[in-house]
Amino acid sequence: MKYKATLVMAAFGLALCLLNYTGIDPDNLFLFMFSVPVWLIETFGDIHDVRLSLVYVLTIATYALFGWIGDYFRLRRRTRA
């Protein structure tokens, strides 16, 4: 599978958002700990000014991007060897 890390990381981001959306994480503890977009939003503004659906989309996209970067370097290293 060519993009295994991308799928795994995107699934992690989706699980994080679903955990928050379903109310299992009522204090938003996991979302605030593991979501990079939330860190940036809180650093430069207030999380209450941003729609939650946008935060979910950005979180999933960020984790998919991290996975894609991992896949890119893994495939690049494999082709060099």
N, C-alpha and C. Protein backbone atom coordinates (compact mmCIF):
# COMPACT_ATOMS: atom_id res chain seq x y z
N MET A 1 0.85 -1.17 0.00
CA MET A 1 0.00 0.00 0.00
C MET A 1 0.90 1.24 0.00
N LYS A 2 0.64 2.13 -0.91
CA LYS A 2 1.52 3.27 -1.11
C LYS A 2 1.34 4.36 -0.05
N TYR A 3 0.13 4.63 0.38
CA TYR A 3 -0.12 5.73 1.32
C TYR A 3 -0.68 5.20 2.64
N LYS A 4 0.02 4.26 3.23
CA LYS A 4 -0.46 3.65 4.46
C LYS A 4 -0.46 4.63 5.62
N ALA A 5 0.61 5.39 5.80
CA ALA A 5 0.69 6.34 6.91
C ALA A 5 -0.34 7.45 6.75
N THR A 6 -0.60 7.85 5.52
CA THR A 6 -1.60 8.89 5.28
C THR A 6 -2.98 8.43 5.75
N LEU A 7 -3.34 7.20 5.41
CA LEU A 7 -4.64 6.67 5.82
C LEU A 7 -4.72 6.48 7.32
N VAL A 8 -3.66 5.99 7.93
CA VAL A 8 -3.66 5.76 9.37
C VAL A 8 -3.77 7.09 10.12
N MET A 9 -3.01 8.07 9.71
CA MET A 9 -3.03 9.37 10.39
C MET A 9 -4.37 10.09 10.17
N ALA A 10 -4.92 9.99 8.97
CA ALA A 10 -6.23 10.60 8.72
C ALA A 10 -7.30 9.90 9.55
N ALA A 11 -7.20 8.59 9.70
CA ALA A 11 -8.14 7.85 10.54
C ALA A 11 -8.01 8.28 12.00
N PHE A 12 -6.79 8.54 12.45
CA PHE A 12 -6.59 9.03 13.81
C PHE A 12 -7.24 10.39 14.00
N GLY A 13 -7.06 11.28 13.03
CA GLY A 13 -7.69 12.60 13.11
C GLY A 13 -9.20 12.49 13.09
N LEU A 14 -9.74 11.60 12.28
CA LEU A 14 -11.19 11.39 12.23
C LEU A 14 -11.69 10.83 13.55
N ALA A 15 -10.96 9.88 14.13
CA ALA A 15 -11.37 9.31 15.42
C ALA A 15 -11.33 10.37 16.51
N LEU A 16 -10.35 11.23 16.48
CA LEU A 16 -10.25 12.32 17.45
C LEU A 16 -11.46 13.25 17.34
N CYS A 17 -11.84 13.58 16.13
CA CYS A 17 -12.99 14.46 15.92
C CYS A 17 -14.30 13.77 16.30
N LEU A 18 -14.44 12.50 15.96
CA LEU A 18 -15.65 11.76 16.33
C LEU A 18 -15.77 11.59 17.84
N LEU A 19 -14.64 11.40 18.51
CA LEU A 19 -14.63 11.30 19.96
C LEU A 19 -15.17 12.59 20.58
N ASN A 20 -14.77 13.70 20.03
CA ASN A 20 -15.23 14.98 20.54
C ASN A 20 -16.67 15.25 20.15
N TYR A 21 -17.05 14.93 18.92
CA TYR A 21 -18.39 15.21 18.43
C TYR A 21 -19.47 14.41 19.16
N THR A 22 -19.17 13.16 19.49
CA THR A 22 -20.16 12.31 20.14
C THR A 22 -20.35 12.64 21.61
N GLY A 23 -19.48 13.44 22.18
CA GLY A 23 -19.63 13.84 23.57
C GLY A 23 -18.89 12.97 24.55
N ILE A 24 -18.11 12.03 24.07
CA ILE A 24 -17.31 11.19 24.97
C ILE A 24 -16.23 12.04 25.65
N ASP A 25 -15.80 13.08 24.98
CA ASP A 25 -14.81 14.01 25.52
C ASP A 25 -15.50 15.34 25.82
N PRO A 26 -16.29 15.43 26.89
CA PRO A 26 -17.11 16.62 27.12
C PRO A 26 -16.30 17.88 27.43
N ASP A 27 -15.11 17.72 27.97
CA ASP A 27 -14.29 18.89 28.31
C ASP A 27 -13.33 19.28 27.20
N ASN A 28 -13.41 18.63 26.05
CA ASN A 28 -12.55 18.88 24.89
C ASN A 28 -11.07 18.64 25.21
N LEU A 29 -10.80 17.80 26.18
CA LEU A 29 -9.43 17.56 26.61
C LEU A 29 -8.58 16.96 25.49
N PHE A 30 -9.07 15.89 24.86
CA PHE A 30 -8.29 15.24 23.82
C PHE A 30 -8.16 16.11 22.58
N LEU A 31 -9.20 16.81 22.23
CA LEU A 31 -9.14 17.69 21.06
C LEU A 31 -8.10 18.79 21.27
N PHE A 32 -8.07 19.37 22.45
CA PHE A 32 -7.12 20.44 22.73
C PHE A 32 -5.70 19.91 22.87
N MET A 33 -5.53 18.65 23.29
CA MET A 33 -4.19 18.10 23.42
C MET A 33 -3.59 17.68 22.09
N PHE A 34 -4.41 17.12 21.19
CA PHE A 34 -3.87 16.47 20.01
C PHE A 34 -4.16 17.18 18.69
N SER A 35 -4.88 18.26 18.69
CA SER A 35 -5.20 18.94 17.44
C SER A 35 -4.30 20.15 17.24
N VAL A 36 -3.45 20.08 16.24
CA VAL A 36 -2.52 21.18 15.94
C VAL A 36 -3.27 22.45 15.52
N PRO A 37 -4.33 22.37 14.71
CA PRO A 37 -5.07 23.60 14.39
C PRO A 37 -5.64 24.29 15.63
N VAL A 38 -6.08 23.52 16.61
CA VAL A 38 -6.59 24.14 17.84
C VAL A 38 -5.47 24.87 18.56
N TRP A 39 -4.27 24.30 18.57
CA TRP A 39 -3.13 24.99 19.19
C TRP A 39 -2.90 26.33 18.53
N LEU A 40 -2.92 26.34 17.20
CA LEU A 40 -2.66 27.58 16.48
C LEU A 40 -3.79 28.59 16.67
N ILE A 41 -5.01 28.12 16.67
CA ILE A 41 -6.14 29.02 16.87
C ILE A 41 -6.07 29.64 18.26
N GLU A 42 -5.76 28.82 19.27
CA GLU A 42 -5.67 29.34 20.63
C GLU A 42 -4.48 30.27 20.81
N THR A 43 -3.42 30.06 20.05
CA THR A 43 -2.26 30.93 20.16
C THR A 43 -2.54 32.31 19.60
N PHE A 44 -3.26 32.37 18.49
CA PHE A 44 -3.46 33.65 17.80
C PHE A 44 -4.88 34.21 17.93
N GLY A 45 -5.75 33.54 18.65
CA GLY A 45 -7.12 34.03 18.77
C GLY A 45 -7.89 33.24 19.81
N ASP A 46 -9.20 33.18 19.63
CA ASP A 46 -10.06 32.47 20.55
C ASP A 46 -10.79 31.35 19.80
N ILE A 47 -10.80 30.18 20.40
CA ILE A 47 -11.42 29.02 19.76
C ILE A 47 -12.92 29.20 19.60
N HIS A 48 -13.52 30.03 20.42
CA HIS A 48 -14.97 30.24 20.35
C HIS A 48 -15.38 31.09 19.15
N ASP A 49 -14.43 31.72 18.49
CA ASP A 49 -14.72 32.53 17.31
C ASP A 49 -14.69 31.71 16.02
N VAL A 50 -14.31 30.43 16.11
CA VAL A 50 -14.15 29.58 14.93
C VAL A 50 -15.20 28.48 14.98
N ARG A 51 -15.81 28.19 13.84
CA ARG A 51 -16.82 27.12 13.77
C ARG A 51 -16.16 25.78 14.05
N LEU A 52 -16.86 24.94 14.81
CA LEU A 52 -16.32 23.65 15.20
C LEU A 52 -16.14 22.72 13.99
N SER A 53 -17.01 22.83 13.00
CA SER A 53 -16.85 21.99 11.81
C SER A 53 -15.56 22.32 11.07
N LEU A 54 -15.17 23.59 11.05
CA LEU A 54 -13.90 23.98 10.43
C LEU A 54 -12.72 23.39 11.21
N VAL A 55 -12.82 23.39 12.53
CA VAL A 55 -11.76 22.81 13.36
C VAL A 55 -11.63 21.32 13.07
N TYR A 56 -12.76 20.62 12.92
CA TYR A 56 -12.72 19.19 12.61
C TYR A 56 -12.07 18.94 11.25
N VAL A 57 -12.45 19.70 10.25
CA VAL A 57 -11.88 19.52 8.91
C VAL A 57 -10.38 19.81 8.92
N LEU A 58 -9.98 20.87 9.59
CA LEU A 58 -8.56 21.21 9.67
C LEU A 58 -7.77 20.15 10.44
N THR A 59 -8.36 19.59 11.46
CA THR A 59 -7.67 18.55 12.23
C THR A 59 -7.44 17.31 11.38
N ILE A 60 -8.46 16.86 10.68
CA ILE A 60 -8.31 15.68 9.83
C ILE A 60 -7.32 15.96 8.71
N ALA A 61 -7.40 17.13 8.10
CA ALA A 61 -6.48 17.48 7.02
C ALA A 61 -5.04 17.58 7.51
N THR A 62 -4.85 18.11 8.71
CA THR A 62 -3.50 18.22 9.26
C THR A 62 -2.89 16.85 9.51
N TYR A 63 -3.67 15.95 10.10
CA TYR A 63 -3.14 14.60 10.33
C TYR A 63 -2.90 13.86 9.03
N ALA A 64 -3.75 14.06 8.03
CA ALA A 64 -3.51 13.44 6.72
C ALA A 64 -2.24 14.00 6.09
N LEU A 65 -2.00 15.30 6.27
CA LEU A 65 -0.77 15.91 5.76
C LEU A 65 0.47 15.34 6.46
N PHE A 66 0.39 15.16 7.77
CA PHE A 66 1.51 14.55 8.50
C PHE A 66 1.78 13.13 7.98
N GLY A 67 0.73 12.37 7.74
CA GLY A 67 0.90 11.03 7.20
C GLY A 67 1.48 11.04 5.80
N TRP A 68 1.04 11.99 4.98
CA TRP A 68 1.57 12.09 3.62
C TRP A 68 3.05 12.44 3.65
N ILE A 69 3.45 13.33 4.54
CA ILE A 69 4.87 13.67 4.67
C ILE A 69 5.67 12.45 5.09
N GLY A 70 5.13 11.66 6.03
CA GLY A 70 5.80 10.42 6.42
C GLY A 70 5.92 9.45 5.27
N ASP A 71 4.86 9.29 4.50
CA ASP A 71 4.89 8.41 3.32
C ASP A 71 5.89 8.90 2.29
N TYR A 72 5.94 10.19 2.08
CA TYR A 72 6.85 10.77 1.10
C TYR A 72 8.30 10.43 1.44
N PHE A 73 8.66 10.65 2.70
CA PHE A 73 10.05 10.38 3.09
C PHE A 73 10.35 8.89 3.13
N ARG A 74 9.36 8.08 3.48
CA ARG A 74 9.57 6.64 3.49
C ARG A 74 9.78 6.12 2.07
N LEU A 75 8.97 6.58 1.13
CA LEU A 75 9.12 6.15 -0.26
C LEU A 75 10.40 6.71 -0.88
N ARG A 76 10.75 7.91 -0.49
CA ARG A 76 11.98 8.52 -1.00
C ARG A 76 13.20 7.75 -0.54
N ARG A 77 13.20 7.35 0.74
CA ARG A 77 14.31 6.57 1.26
C ARG A 77 14.38 5.19 0.62
N ARG A 78 13.21 4.60 0.35
CA ARG A 78 13.18 3.28 -0.26
C ARG A 78 13.71 3.31 -1.69
N THR A 79 13.44 4.38 -2.44
CA THR A 79 13.90 4.45 -3.83
C THR A 79 15.39 4.74 -3.90
N ARG A 80 15.95 5.39 -2.90
CA ARG A 80 17.39 5.67 -2.89
C ARG A 80 18.21 4.44 -2.56
N ALA A 81 17.68 3.56 -1.75
CA ALA A 81 18.46 2.39 -1.29
C ALA A 81 18.56 1.32 -2.35
